[in-house]
Full PDB file with SEQRES, HELIX, SHEET, SSBOND, CRYST1, ORIGX, SCALE, CONECT and MASTER records, all heavy atoms in Angstrom:
SEQRES   1 A   42  VAL ALA GLU GLY ASP LEU ARG PRO ALA LYS THR LEU ASP          
SEQRES   2 A   42  GLU ILE LEU ASN ILE ASN ILE GLU GLU GLU GLU LYS ALA          
SEQRES   3 A   42  ILE ALA LEU TYR LYS SER ILE TRP ALA GLU ILE PRO GLU          
SEQRES   4 A   42  THR GLU VAL                                                  
HELIX    1 AA1 GLU A    3  ASP A    5  5                                   3    
HELIX    2 AA2 LEU A   12  ALA A   35  1                                  24    
CRYST1    1.000    1.000    1.000  90.00  90.00  90.00 P 1           1          
ORIGX1      1.000000  0.000000  0.000000        0.00000                         
ORIGX2      0.000000  1.000000  0.000000        0.00000                         
ORIGX3      0.000000  0.000000  1.000000        0.00000                         
SCALE1      1.000000  0.000000  0.000000        0.00000                         
SCALE2      0.000000  1.000000  0.000000        0.00000                         
SCALE3      0.000000  0.000000  1.000000        0.00000                         
ATOM      1  N   VAL A   1       2.019 -14.178  -0.268  1.00  0.00           N  
ATOM      2  CA  VAL A   1       1.940 -12.992   0.585  1.00  0.00           C  
ATOM      3  C   VAL A   1       3.211 -12.173   0.376  1.00  0.00           C  
ATOM      4  O   VAL A   1       4.307 -12.733   0.312  1.00  0.00           O  
ATOM      5  CB  VAL A   1       1.830 -13.410   2.069  1.00  0.00           C  
ATOM      6  CG1 VAL A   1       1.870 -12.201   2.987  1.00  0.00           C  
ATOM      7  CG2 VAL A   1       0.574 -14.231   2.305  1.00  0.00           C  
ATOM      8  N   ALA A   2       3.069 -10.862   0.290  1.00  0.00           N  
ATOM      9  CA  ALA A   2       4.237  -9.977   0.214  1.00  0.00           C  
ATOM     10  C   ALA A   2       4.842  -9.915   1.611  1.00  0.00           C  
ATOM     11  O   ALA A   2       4.471  -9.077   2.441  1.00  0.00           O  
ATOM     12  CB  ALA A   2       3.813  -8.592  -0.274  1.00  0.00           C  
ATOM     13  N   GLU A   3       5.762 -10.834   1.873  1.00  0.00           N  
ATOM     14  CA  GLU A   3       6.290 -11.001   3.226  1.00  0.00           C  
ATOM     15  C   GLU A   3       6.989  -9.747   3.758  1.00  0.00           C  
ATOM     16  O   GLU A   3       6.994  -9.505   4.962  1.00  0.00           O  
ATOM     17  CB  GLU A   3       7.209 -12.210   3.290  1.00  0.00           C  
ATOM     18  CG  GLU A   3       6.434 -13.506   3.125  1.00  0.00           C  
ATOM     19  CD  GLU A   3       7.296 -14.740   3.308  1.00  0.00           C  
ATOM     20  OE1 GLU A   3       8.265 -14.678   4.082  1.00  0.00           O  
ATOM     21  OE2 GLU A   3       6.970 -15.753   2.663  1.00  0.00           O  
ATOM     22  N   GLY A   4       7.548  -8.951   2.878  1.00  0.00           N  
ATOM     23  CA  GLY A   4       8.190  -7.703   3.306  1.00  0.00           C  
ATOM     24  C   GLY A   4       7.207  -6.710   3.900  1.00  0.00           C  
ATOM     25  O   GLY A   4       7.603  -5.779   4.611  1.00  0.00           O  
ATOM     26  N   ASP A   5       5.925  -6.905   3.613  1.00  0.00           N  
ATOM     27  CA  ASP A   5       4.884  -6.017   4.148  1.00  0.00           C  
ATOM     28  C   ASP A   5       4.387  -6.469   5.518  1.00  0.00           C  
ATOM     29  O   ASP A   5       3.562  -5.794   6.131  1.00  0.00           O  
ATOM     30  CB  ASP A   5       3.697  -5.949   3.181  1.00  0.00           C  
ATOM     31  CG  ASP A   5       4.043  -5.250   1.876  1.00  0.00           C  
ATOM     32  OD1 ASP A   5       5.142  -4.677   1.771  1.00  0.00           O  
ATOM     33  OD2 ASP A   5       3.201  -5.277   0.961  1.00  0.00           O  
ATOM     34  N   LEU A   6       4.865  -7.603   6.000  1.00  0.00           N  
ATOM     35  CA  LEU A   6       4.483  -8.102   7.329  1.00  0.00           C  
ATOM     36  C   LEU A   6       5.427  -7.491   8.352  1.00  0.00           C  
ATOM     37  O   LEU A   6       6.388  -8.112   8.791  1.00  0.00           O  
ATOM     38  CB  LEU A   6       4.537  -9.630   7.369  1.00  0.00           C  
ATOM     39  CG  LEU A   6       3.606 -10.349   6.408  1.00  0.00           C  
ATOM     40  CD1 LEU A   6       3.831 -11.852   6.474  1.00  0.00           C  
ATOM     41  CD2 LEU A   6       2.150 -10.009   6.710  1.00  0.00           C  
ATOM     42  N   ARG A   7       5.140  -6.259   8.707  1.00  0.00           N  
ATOM     43  CA  ARG A   7       6.026  -5.486   9.571  1.00  0.00           C  
ATOM     44  C   ARG A   7       5.484  -5.444  10.995  1.00  0.00           C  
ATOM     45  O   ARG A   7       4.411  -4.902  11.228  1.00  0.00           O  
ATOM     46  CB  ARG A   7       6.184  -4.082   8.999  1.00  0.00           C  
ATOM     47  CG  ARG A   7       6.806  -4.109   7.597  1.00  0.00           C  
ATOM     48  CD  ARG A   7       6.770  -2.778   6.908  1.00  0.00           C  
ATOM     49  NE  ARG A   7       7.429  -1.745   7.672  1.00  0.00           N  
ATOM     50  CZ  ARG A   7       7.340  -0.454   7.381  1.00  0.00           C  
ATOM     51  NH1 ARG A   7       6.623  -0.044   6.344  1.00  0.00           N  
ATOM     52  NH2 ARG A   7       7.952   0.437   8.135  1.00  0.00           N  
ATOM     53  N   PRO A   8       6.215  -5.995  11.949  1.00  0.00           N  
ATOM     54  CA  PRO A   8       5.745  -5.998  13.332  1.00  0.00           C  
ATOM     55  C   PRO A   8       5.833  -4.605  13.956  1.00  0.00           C  
ATOM     56  O   PRO A   8       6.596  -3.753  13.502  1.00  0.00           O  
ATOM     57  CB  PRO A   8       6.692  -6.967  14.030  1.00  0.00           C  
ATOM     58  CG  PRO A   8       7.928  -6.949  13.217  1.00  0.00           C  
ATOM     59  CD  PRO A   8       7.500  -6.670  11.798  1.00  0.00           C  
ATOM     60  N   ALA A   9       5.041  -4.416  14.998  1.00  0.00           N  
ATOM     61  CA  ALA A   9       5.063  -3.165  15.751  1.00  0.00           C  
ATOM     62  C   ALA A   9       4.729  -3.476  17.201  1.00  0.00           C  
ATOM     63  O   ALA A   9       4.078  -4.481  17.488  1.00  0.00           O  
ATOM     64  CB  ALA A   9       4.050  -2.189  15.158  1.00  0.00           C  
ATOM     65  N   LYS A  10       5.161  -2.593  18.087  1.00  0.00           N  
ATOM     66  CA  LYS A  10       4.896  -2.787  19.514  1.00  0.00           C  
ATOM     67  C   LYS A  10       4.037  -1.683  20.107  1.00  0.00           C  
ATOM     68  O   LYS A  10       3.335  -1.897  21.064  1.00  0.00           O  
ATOM     69  CB  LYS A  10       6.215  -2.876  20.285  1.00  0.00           C  
ATOM     70  CG  LYS A  10       7.025  -4.102  19.946  1.00  0.00           C  
ATOM     71  CD  LYS A  10       8.299  -4.138  20.749  1.00  0.00           C  
ATOM     72  CE  LYS A  10       9.115  -5.354  20.347  1.00  0.00           C  
ATOM     73  NZ  LYS A  10      10.440  -5.343  20.914  1.00  0.00           N  
ATOM     74  N   THR A  11       4.131  -0.489  19.539  1.00  0.00           N  
ATOM     75  CA  THR A  11       3.411   0.653  20.103  1.00  0.00           C  
ATOM     76  C   THR A  11       2.397   1.184  19.098  1.00  0.00           C  
ATOM     77  O   THR A  11       2.495   0.909  17.892  1.00  0.00           O  
ATOM     78  CB  THR A  11       4.380   1.791  20.458  1.00  0.00           C  
ATOM     79  OG1 THR A  11       4.943   2.313  19.235  1.00  0.00           O  
ATOM     80  CG2 THR A  11       5.492   1.325  21.386  1.00  0.00           C  
ATOM     81  N   LEU A  12       1.469   1.967  19.612  1.00  0.00           N  
ATOM     82  CA  LEU A  12       0.475   2.586  18.730  1.00  0.00           C  
ATOM     83  C   LEU A  12       1.160   3.449  17.675  1.00  0.00           C  
ATOM     84  O   LEU A  12       0.801   3.406  16.499  1.00  0.00           O  
ATOM     85  CB  LEU A  12      -0.514   3.425  19.542  1.00  0.00           C  
ATOM     86  CG  LEU A  12      -1.543   4.210  18.729  1.00  0.00           C  
ATOM     87  CD1 LEU A  12      -2.387   3.289  17.847  1.00  0.00           C  
ATOM     88  CD2 LEU A  12      -2.432   5.037  19.650  1.00  0.00           C  
ATOM     89  N   ASP A  13       2.167   4.210  18.079  1.00  0.00           N  
ATOM     90  CA  ASP A  13       2.874   5.070  17.130  1.00  0.00           C  
ATOM     91  C   ASP A  13       3.522   4.248  16.013  1.00  0.00           C  
ATOM     92  O   ASP A  13       3.446   4.606  14.842  1.00  0.00           O  
ATOM     93  CB  ASP A  13       3.923   5.917  17.863  1.00  0.00           C  
ATOM     94  CG  ASP A  13       4.364   7.115  17.046  1.00  0.00           C  
ATOM     95  OD1 ASP A  13       3.487   7.809  16.481  1.00  0.00           O  
ATOM     96  OD2 ASP A  13       5.590   7.353  16.959  1.00  0.00           O  
ATOM     97  N   GLU A  14       4.167   3.139  16.375  1.00  0.00           N  
ATOM     98  CA  GLU A  14       4.768   2.256  15.369  1.00  0.00           C  
ATOM     99  C   GLU A  14       3.701   1.686  14.447  1.00  0.00           C  
ATOM    100  O   GLU A  14       3.896   1.633  13.227  1.00  0.00           O  
ATOM    101  CB  GLU A  14       5.525   1.101  16.036  1.00  0.00           C  
ATOM    102  CG  GLU A  14       6.824   1.488  16.686  1.00  0.00           C  
ATOM    103  CD  GLU A  14       7.467   0.316  17.426  1.00  0.00           C  
ATOM    104  OE1 GLU A  14       6.825  -0.742  17.600  1.00  0.00           O  
ATOM    105  OE2 GLU A  14       8.631   0.471  17.836  1.00  0.00           O  
ATOM    106  N   ILE A  15       2.593   1.254  15.024  1.00  0.00           N  
ATOM    107  CA  ILE A  15       1.496   0.691  14.231  1.00  0.00           C  
ATOM    108  C   ILE A  15       0.999   1.714  13.217  1.00  0.00           C  
ATOM    109  O   ILE A  15       0.836   1.399  12.033  1.00  0.00           O  
ATOM    110  CB  ILE A  15       0.350   0.215  15.149  1.00  0.00           C  
ATOM    111  CG1 ILE A  15       0.766  -1.060  15.887  1.00  0.00           C  
ATOM    112  CG2 ILE A  15      -0.945   0.006  14.362  1.00  0.00           C  
ATOM    113  CD1 ILE A  15      -0.175  -1.471  17.007  1.00  0.00           C  
ATOM    114  N   LEU A  16       0.773   2.927  13.670  1.00  0.00           N  
ATOM    115  CA  LEU A  16       0.271   3.967  12.768  1.00  0.00           C  
ATOM    116  C   LEU A  16       1.297   4.310  11.698  1.00  0.00           C  
ATOM    117  O   LEU A  16       0.950   4.406  10.507  1.00  0.00           O  
ATOM    118  CB  LEU A  16      -0.140   5.202  13.569  1.00  0.00           C  
ATOM    119  CG  LEU A  16      -1.323   5.000  14.515  1.00  0.00           C  
ATOM    120  CD1 LEU A  16      -1.557   6.256  15.354  1.00  0.00           C  
ATOM    121  CD2 LEU A  16      -2.585   4.600  13.758  1.00  0.00           C  
ATOM    122  N   ASN A  17       2.562   4.480  12.089  1.00  0.00           N  
ATOM    123  CA  ASN A  17       3.604   4.821  11.116  1.00  0.00           C  
ATOM    124  C   ASN A  17       3.758   3.750  10.044  1.00  0.00           C  
ATOM    125  O   ASN A  17       3.823   4.057   8.843  1.00  0.00           O  
ATOM    126  CB  ASN A  17       4.945   5.063  11.808  1.00  0.00           C  
ATOM    127  CG  ASN A  17       4.983   6.370  12.552  1.00  0.00           C  
ATOM    128  OD1 ASN A  17       4.273   7.316  12.216  1.00  0.00           O  
ATOM    129  ND2 ASN A  17       5.807   6.437  13.579  1.00  0.00           N  
ATOM    130  N   ILE A  18       3.818   2.500  10.461  1.00  0.00           N  
ATOM    131  CA  ILE A  18       3.969   1.392   9.512  1.00  0.00           C  
ATOM    132  C   ILE A  18       2.794   1.359   8.544  1.00  0.00           C  
ATOM    133  O   ILE A  18       2.977   1.241   7.327  1.00  0.00           O  
ATOM    134  CB  ILE A  18       4.107   0.049  10.256  1.00  0.00           C  
ATOM    135  CG1 ILE A  18       5.489  -0.058  10.886  1.00  0.00           C  
ATOM    136  CG2 ILE A  18       3.826  -1.139   9.336  1.00  0.00           C  
ATOM    137  CD1 ILE A  18       5.645  -1.212  11.876  1.00  0.00           C  
ATOM    138  N   ASN A  19       1.596   1.476   9.072  1.00  0.00           N  
ATOM    139  CA  ASN A  19       0.425   1.345   8.211  1.00  0.00           C  
ATOM    140  C   ASN A  19       0.223   2.554   7.309  1.00  0.00           C  
ATOM    141  O   ASN A  19      -0.253   2.410   6.184  1.00  0.00           O  
ATOM    142  CB  ASN A  19      -0.807   1.005   9.046  1.00  0.00           C  
ATOM    143  CG  ASN A  19      -0.750  -0.434   9.500  1.00  0.00           C  
ATOM    144  OD1 ASN A  19      -0.793  -1.355   8.691  1.00  0.00           O  
ATOM    145  ND2 ASN A  19      -0.593  -0.654  10.798  1.00  0.00           N  
ATOM    146  N   ILE A  20       0.624   3.732   7.753  1.00  0.00           N  
ATOM    147  CA  ILE A  20       0.592   4.906   6.868  1.00  0.00           C  
ATOM    148  C   ILE A  20       1.555   4.681   5.704  1.00  0.00           C  
ATOM    149  O   ILE A  20       1.201   4.909   4.539  1.00  0.00           O  
ATOM    150  CB  ILE A  20       0.918   6.199   7.647  1.00  0.00           C  
ATOM    151  CG1 ILE A  20      -0.253   6.562   8.572  1.00  0.00           C  
ATOM    152  CG2 ILE A  20       1.228   7.348   6.685  1.00  0.00           C  
ATOM    153  CD1 ILE A  20       0.069   7.639   9.601  1.00  0.00           C  
ATOM    154  N   GLU A  21       2.763   4.228   6.007  1.00  0.00           N  
ATOM    155  CA  GLU A  21       3.749   3.951   4.944  1.00  0.00           C  
ATOM    156  C   GLU A  21       3.230   2.898   3.972  1.00  0.00           C  
ATOM    157  O   GLU A  21       3.389   3.037   2.755  1.00  0.00           O  
ATOM    158  CB  GLU A  21       5.063   3.469   5.553  1.00  0.00           C  
ATOM    159  CG  GLU A  21       5.849   4.528   6.280  1.00  0.00           C  
ATOM    160  CD  GLU A  21       7.050   3.948   7.026  1.00  0.00           C  
ATOM    161  OE1 GLU A  21       7.485   2.816   6.718  1.00  0.00           O  
ATOM    162  OE2 GLU A  21       7.562   4.650   7.927  1.00  0.00           O  
ATOM    163  N   GLU A  22       2.634   1.848   4.497  1.00  0.00           N  
ATOM    164  CA  GLU A  22       2.128   0.776   3.640  1.00  0.00           C  
ATOM    165  C   GLU A  22       0.939   1.239   2.802  1.00  0.00           C  
ATOM    166  O   GLU A  22       0.783   0.816   1.651  1.00  0.00           O  
ATOM    167  CB  GLU A  22       1.772  -0.456   4.476  1.00  0.00           C  
ATOM    168  CG  GLU A  22       2.980  -1.152   5.082  1.00  0.00           C  
ATOM    169  CD  GLU A  22       3.933  -1.745   4.059  1.00  0.00           C  
ATOM    170  OE1 GLU A  22       3.494  -2.166   2.969  1.00  0.00           O  
ATOM    171  OE2 GLU A  22       5.146  -1.813   4.349  1.00  0.00           O  
ATOM    172  N   GLU A  23       0.097   2.109   3.353  1.00  0.00           N  
ATOM    173  CA  GLU A  23      -1.014   2.654   2.559  1.00  0.00           C  
ATOM    174  C   GLU A  23      -0.470   3.522   1.427  1.00  0.00           C  
ATOM    175  O   GLU A  23      -0.974   3.470   0.299  1.00  0.00           O  
ATOM    176  CB  GLU A  23      -1.987   3.452   3.433  1.00  0.00           C  
ATOM    177  CG  GLU A  23      -2.792   2.625   4.404  1.00  0.00           C  
ATOM    178  CD  GLU A  23      -3.768   1.641   3.761  1.00  0.00           C  
ATOM    179  OE1 GLU A  23      -4.043   1.729   2.548  1.00  0.00           O  
ATOM    180  OE2 GLU A  23      -4.262   0.770   4.492  1.00  0.00           O  
ATOM    181  N   GLU A  24       0.559   4.310   1.704  1.00  0.00           N  
ATOM    182  CA  GLU A  24       1.175   5.136   0.657  1.00  0.00           C  
ATOM    183  C   GLU A  24       1.730   4.258  -0.452  1.00  0.00           C  
ATOM    184  O   GLU A  24       1.570   4.563  -1.645  1.00  0.00           O  
ATOM    185  CB  GLU A  24       2.275   6.017   1.252  1.00  0.00           C  
ATOM    186  CG  GLU A  24       1.732   7.138   2.109  1.00  0.00           C  
ATOM    187  CD  GLU A  24       2.793   7.885   2.902  1.00  0.00           C  
ATOM    188  OE1 GLU A  24       3.959   7.403   2.991  1.00  0.00           O  
ATOM    189  OE2 GLU A  24       2.456   8.949   3.446  1.00  0.00           O  
ATOM    190  N   LYS A  25       2.362   3.163  -0.068  1.00  0.00           N  
ATOM    191  CA  LYS A  25       2.911   2.224  -1.050  1.00  0.00           C  
ATOM    192  C   LYS A  25       1.794   1.607  -1.891  1.00  0.00           C  
ATOM    193  O   LYS A  25       1.912   1.505  -3.113  1.00  0.00           O  
ATOM    194  CB  LYS A  25       3.709   1.140  -0.316  1.00  0.00           C  
ATOM    195  CG  LYS A  25       4.452   0.199  -1.223  1.00  0.00           C  
ATOM    196  CD  LYS A  25       5.408  -0.650  -0.412  1.00  0.00           C  
ATOM    197  CE  LYS A  25       4.805  -2.011  -0.212  1.00  0.00           C  
ATOM    198  NZ  LYS A  25       5.683  -2.944   0.500  1.00  0.00           N  
ATOM    199  N   ALA A  26       0.706   1.216  -1.232  1.00  0.00           N  
ATOM    200  CA  ALA A  26      -0.426   0.625  -1.952  1.00  0.00           C  
ATOM    201  C   ALA A  26      -1.047   1.623  -2.914  1.00  0.00           C  
ATOM    202  O   ALA A  26      -1.362   1.283  -4.063  1.00  0.00           O  
ATOM    203  CB  ALA A  26      -1.468   0.114  -0.956  1.00  0.00           C  
ATOM    204  N   ILE A  27      -1.224   2.849  -2.469  1.00  0.00           N  
ATOM    205  CA  ILE A  27      -1.809   3.885  -3.326  1.00  0.00           C  
ATOM    206  C   ILE A  27      -0.951   4.073  -4.570  1.00  0.00           C  
ATOM    207  O   ILE A  27      -1.473   4.140  -5.692  1.00  0.00           O  
ATOM    208  CB  ILE A  27      -1.975   5.213  -2.551  1.00  0.00           C  
ATOM    209  CG1 ILE A  27      -3.065   5.056  -1.476  1.00  0.00           C  
ATOM    210  CG2 ILE A  27      -2.297   6.367  -3.497  1.00  0.00           C  
ATOM    211  CD1 ILE A  27      -3.073   6.156  -0.413  1.00  0.00           C  
ATOM    212  N   ALA A  28       0.363   4.150  -4.394  1.00  0.00           N  
ATOM    213  CA  ALA A  28       1.264   4.320  -5.542  1.00  0.00           C  
ATOM    214  C   ALA A  28       1.148   3.142  -6.505  1.00  0.00           C  
ATOM    215  O   ALA A  28       1.090   3.330  -7.732  1.00  0.00           O  
ATOM    216  CB  ALA A  28       2.705   4.486  -5.064  1.00  0.00           C  
ATOM    217  N   LEU A  29       1.106   1.916  -5.973  1.00  0.00           N  
ATOM    218  CA  LEU A  29       0.979   0.736  -6.833  1.00  0.00           C  
ATOM    219  C   LEU A  29      -0.331   0.774  -7.604  1.00  0.00           C  
ATOM    220  O   LEU A  29      -0.346   0.583  -8.824  1.00  0.00           O  
ATOM    221  CB  LEU A  29       1.061  -0.541  -5.996  1.00  0.00           C  
ATOM    222  CG  LEU A  29       0.803  -1.843  -6.765  1.00  0.00           C  
ATOM    223  CD1 LEU A  29       1.843  -2.053  -7.872  1.00  0.00           C  
ATOM    224  CD2 LEU A  29       0.770  -3.022  -5.810  1.00  0.00           C  
ATOM    225  N   TYR A  30      -1.434   1.026  -6.906  1.00  0.00           N  
ATOM    226  CA  TYR A  30      -2.734   1.036  -7.576  1.00  0.00           C  
ATOM    227  C   TYR A  30      -2.846   2.157  -8.605  1.00  0.00           C  
ATOM    228  O   TYR A  30      -3.428   1.967  -9.667  1.00  0.00           O  
ATOM    229  CB  TYR A  30      -3.872   1.113  -6.566  1.00  0.00           C  
ATOM    230  CG  TYR A  30      -4.137  -0.206  -5.902  1.00  0.00           C  
ATOM    231  CD1 TYR A  30      -3.977  -0.364  -4.534  1.00  0.00           C  
ATOM    232  CD2 TYR A  30      -4.543  -1.309  -6.639  1.00  0.00           C  
ATOM    233  CE1 TYR A  30      -4.210  -1.579  -3.919  1.00  0.00           C  
ATOM    234  CE2 TYR A  30      -4.769  -2.532  -6.042  1.00  0.00           C  
ATOM    235  CZ  TYR A  30      -4.603  -2.659  -4.672  1.00  0.00           C  
ATOM    236  OH  TYR A  30      -4.830  -3.870  -4.083  1.00  0.00           O  
ATOM    237  N   LYS A  31      -2.267   3.308  -8.313  1.00  0.00           N  
ATOM    238  CA  LYS A  31      -2.303   4.399  -9.297  1.00  0.00           C  
ATOM    239  C   LYS A  31      -1.523   4.025 -10.552  1.00  0.00           C  
ATOM    240  O   LYS A  31      -1.935   4.360 -11.669  1.00  0.00           O  
ATOM    241  CB  LYS A  31      -1.765   5.694  -8.693  1.00  0.00           C  
ATOM    242  CG  LYS A  31      -2.768   6.374  -7.790  1.00  0.00           C  
ATOM    243  CD  LYS A  31      -2.234   7.705  -7.286  1.00  0.00           C  
ATOM    244  CE  LYS A  31      -3.279   8.437  -6.495  1.00  0.00           C  
ATOM    245  NZ  LYS A  31      -2.801   9.755  -6.031  1.00  0.00           N  
ATOM    246  N   SER A  32      -0.407   3.309 -10.381  1.00  0.00           N  
ATOM    247  CA  SER A  32       0.373   2.900 -11.555  1.00  0.00           C  
ATOM    248  C   SER A  32      -0.396   1.861 -12.373  1.00  0.00           C  
ATOM    249  O   SER A  32      -0.347   1.875 -13.606  1.00  0.00           O  
ATOM    250  CB  SER A  32       1.752   2.381 -11.144  1.00  0.00           C  
ATOM    251  OG  SER A  32       1.671   1.112 -10.534  1.00  0.00           O  
ATOM    252  N   ILE A  33      -1.109   0.975 -11.701  1.00  0.00           N  
ATOM    253  CA  ILE A  33      -1.943  -0.011 -12.407  1.00  0.00           C  
ATOM    254  C   ILE A  33      -3.094   0.691 -13.111  1.00  0.00           C  
ATOM    255  O   ILE A  33      -3.372   0.440 -14.287  1.00  0.00           O  
ATOM    256  CB  ILE A  33      -2.473  -1.074 -11.414  1.00  0.00           C  
ATOM    257  CG1 ILE A  33      -1.331  -1.952 -10.909  1.00  0.00           C  
ATOM    258  CG2 ILE A  33      -3.574  -1.921 -12.057  1.00  0.00           C  
ATOM    259  CD1 ILE A  33      -1.706  -2.861  -9.736  1.00  0.00           C  
ATOM    260  N   TRP A  34      -3.748   1.579 -12.399  1.00  0.00           N  
ATOM    261  CA  TRP A  34      -4.916   2.305 -12.915  1.00  0.00           C  
ATOM    262  C   TRP A  34      -4.563   3.083 -14.185  1.00  0.00           C  
ATOM    263  O   TRP A  34      -5.348   3.126 -15.134  1.00  0.00           O  
ATOM    264  CB  TRP A  34      -5.423   3.221 -11.809  1.00  0.00           C  
ATOM    265  CG  TRP A  34      -6.726   3.889 -12.030  1.00  0.00           C  
ATOM    266  CD1 TRP A  34      -7.931   3.303 -12.303  1.00  0.00           C  
ATOM    267  CD2 TRP A  34      -6.986   5.284 -11.952  1.00  0.00           C  
ATOM    268  NE1 TRP A  34      -8.921   4.247 -12.390  1.00  0.00           N  
ATOM    269  CE2 TRP A  34      -8.355   5.477 -12.176  1.00  0.00           C  
ATOM    270  CE3 TRP A  34      -6.185   6.388 -11.705  1.00  0.00           C  
ATOM    271  CZ2 TRP A  34      -8.956   6.741 -12.173  1.00  0.00           C  
ATOM    272  CZ3 TRP A  34      -6.775   7.638 -11.688  1.00  0.00           C  
ATOM    273  CH2 TRP A  34      -8.143   7.810 -11.925  1.00  0.00           C  
ATOM    274  N   ALA A  35      -3.370   3.663 -14.206  1.00  0.00           N  
ATOM    275  CA  ALA A  35      -2.936   4.450 -15.363  1.00  0.00           C  
ATOM    276  C   ALA A  35      -2.783   3.595 -16.621  1.00  0.00           C  
ATOM    277  O   ALA A  35      -2.840   4.112 -17.741  1.00  0.00           O  
ATOM    278  CB  ALA A  35      -1.615   5.147 -15.051  1.00  0.00           C  
ATOM    279  N   GLU A  36      -2.626   2.292 -16.453  1.00  0.00           N  
ATOM    280  CA  GLU A  36      -2.441   1.381 -17.585  1.00  0.00           C  
ATOM    281  C   GLU A  36      -3.754   0.794 -18.114  1.00  0.00           C  
ATOM    282  O   GLU A  36      -3.749   0.080 -19.109  1.00  0.00           O  
ATOM    283  CB  GLU A  36      -1.527   0.230 -17.184  1.00  0.00           C  
ATOM    284  CG  GLU A  36      -0.120   0.662 -16.858  1.00  0.00           C  
ATOM    285  CD  GLU A  36       0.738  -0.508 -16.403  1.00  0.00           C  
ATOM    286  OE1 GLU A  36       0.348  -1.670 -16.610  1.00  0.00           O  
ATOM    287  OE2 GLU A  36       1.812  -0.243 -15.834  1.00  0.00           O  
ATOM    288  N   ILE A  37      -4.863   1.079 -17.451  1.00  0.00           N  
ATOM    289  CA  ILE A  37      -6.133   0.467 -17.828  1.00  0.00           C  
ATOM    290  C   ILE A  37      -6.895   1.399 -18.761  1.00  0.00           C  
ATOM    291  O   ILE A  37      -7.200   2.532 -18.388  1.00  0.00           O  
ATOM    292  CB  ILE A  37      -6.996   0.168 -16.586  1.00  0.00           C  
ATOM    293  CG1 ILE A  37      -6.242  -0.731 -15.601  1.00  0.00           C  
ATOM    294  CG2 ILE A  37      -8.333  -0.460 -16.997  1.00  0.00           C  
ATOM    295  CD1 ILE A  37      -6.908  -0.853 -14.244  1.00  0.00           C  
ATOM    296  N   PRO A  38      -7.224   0.919 -19.953  1.00  0.00           N  
ATOM    297  CA  PRO A  38      -8.043   1.751 -20.840  1.00  0.00           C  
ATOM    298  C   PRO A  38      -9.423   1.955 -20.210  1.00  0.00           C  
ATOM    299  O   PRO A  38      -9.975   1.051 -19.582  1.00  0.00           O  
ATOM    300  CB  PRO A  38      -8.164   0.921 -22.123  1.00  0.00           C  
ATOM    301  CG  PRO A  38      -7.205  -0.217 -21.986  1.00  0.00           C  
ATOM    302  CD  PRO A  38      -6.888  -0.361 -20.542  1.00  0.00           C  
ATOM    303  N   GLU A  39      -9.972   3.152 -20.361  1.00  0.00           N  
ATOM    304  CA  GLU A  39     -11.287   3.441 -19.786  1.00  0.00           C  
ATOM    305  C   GLU A  39     -12.379   2.553 -20.380  1.00  0.00           C  
ATOM    306  O   GLU A  39     -13.441   2.412 -19.786  1.00  0.00           O  
ATOM    307  CB  GLU A  39     -11.632   4.914 -19.957  1.00  0.00           C  
ATOM    308  CG  GLU A  39     -10.811   5.801 -19.043  1.00  0.00           C  
ATOM    309  CD  GLU A  39     -11.207   7.258 -19.115  1.00  0.00           C  
ATOM    310  OE1 GLU A  39     -12.408   7.562 -19.243  1.00  0.00           O  
ATOM    311  OE2 GLU A  39     -10.299   8.106 -19.032  1.00  0.00           O  
ATOM    312  N   THR A  40     -12.100   1.936 -21.516  1.00  0.00           N  
ATOM    313  CA  THR A  40     -13.082   1.017 -22.113  1.00  0.00           C  
ATOM    314  C   THR A  40     -13.207  -0.266 -21.294  1.00  0.00           C  
ATOM    315  O   THR A  40     -14.199  -0.978 -21.418  1.00  0.00           O  
ATOM    316  CB  THR A  40     -12.692   0.657 -23.570  1.00  0.00           C  
ATOM    317  OG1 THR A  40     -11.353   0.140 -23.568  1.00  0.00           O  
ATOM    318  CG2 THR A  40     -12.776   1.879 -24.474  1.00  0.00           C  
ATOM    319  N   GLU A  41     -12.199  -0.557 -20.467  1.00  0.00           N  
ATOM    320  CA  GLU A  41     -12.245  -1.703 -19.548  1.00  0.00           C  
ATOM    321  C   GLU A  41     -12.901  -1.229 -18.254  1.00  0.00           C  
ATOM    322  O   GLU A  41     -12.277  -1.133 -17.198  1.00  0.00           O  
ATOM    323  CB  GLU A  41     -10.832  -2.241 -19.287  1.00  0.00           C  
ATOM    324  CG  GLU A  41     -10.146  -2.806 -20.500  1.00  0.00           C  
ATOM    325  CD  GLU A  41     -10.717  -4.144 -20.935  1.00  0.00           C  
ATOM    326  OE1 GLU A  41     -11.324  -4.845 -20.103  1.00  0.00           O  
ATOM    327  OE2 GLU A  41     -10.563  -4.479 -22.120  1.00  0.00           O  
ATOM    328  N   VAL A  42     -14.185  -0.916 -18.347  1.00  0.00           N  
ATOM    329  CA  VAL A  42     -14.906  -0.200 -17.295  1.00  0.00           C  
ATOM    330  C   VAL A  42     -14.851  -0.911 -15.950  1.00  0.00           C  
ATOM    331  O   VAL A  42     -14.550  -0.296 -14.921  1.00  0.00           O  
ATOM    332  CB  VAL A  42     -16.371   0.058 -17.721  1.00  0.00           C  
ATOM    333  CG1 VAL A  42     -17.157   0.717 -16.608  1.00  0.00           C  
ATOM    334  CG2 VAL A  42     -16.408   0.902 -18.989  1.00  0.00           C  
TER     335      VAL A  42                                                      
MASTER        0    0    0    2    0    0    0    6  334    1    0    4          
END                                                                             
């Protein structure tokens, strides 16, 4: 498990902020992976 991504929160605002940041991080990671995949690997 990526333990650094296990970020606690107490309020709705904290929950939303943390998860928005983590989604942005995930999107960036997946886009970098996606860019390395030849389209022939459908």
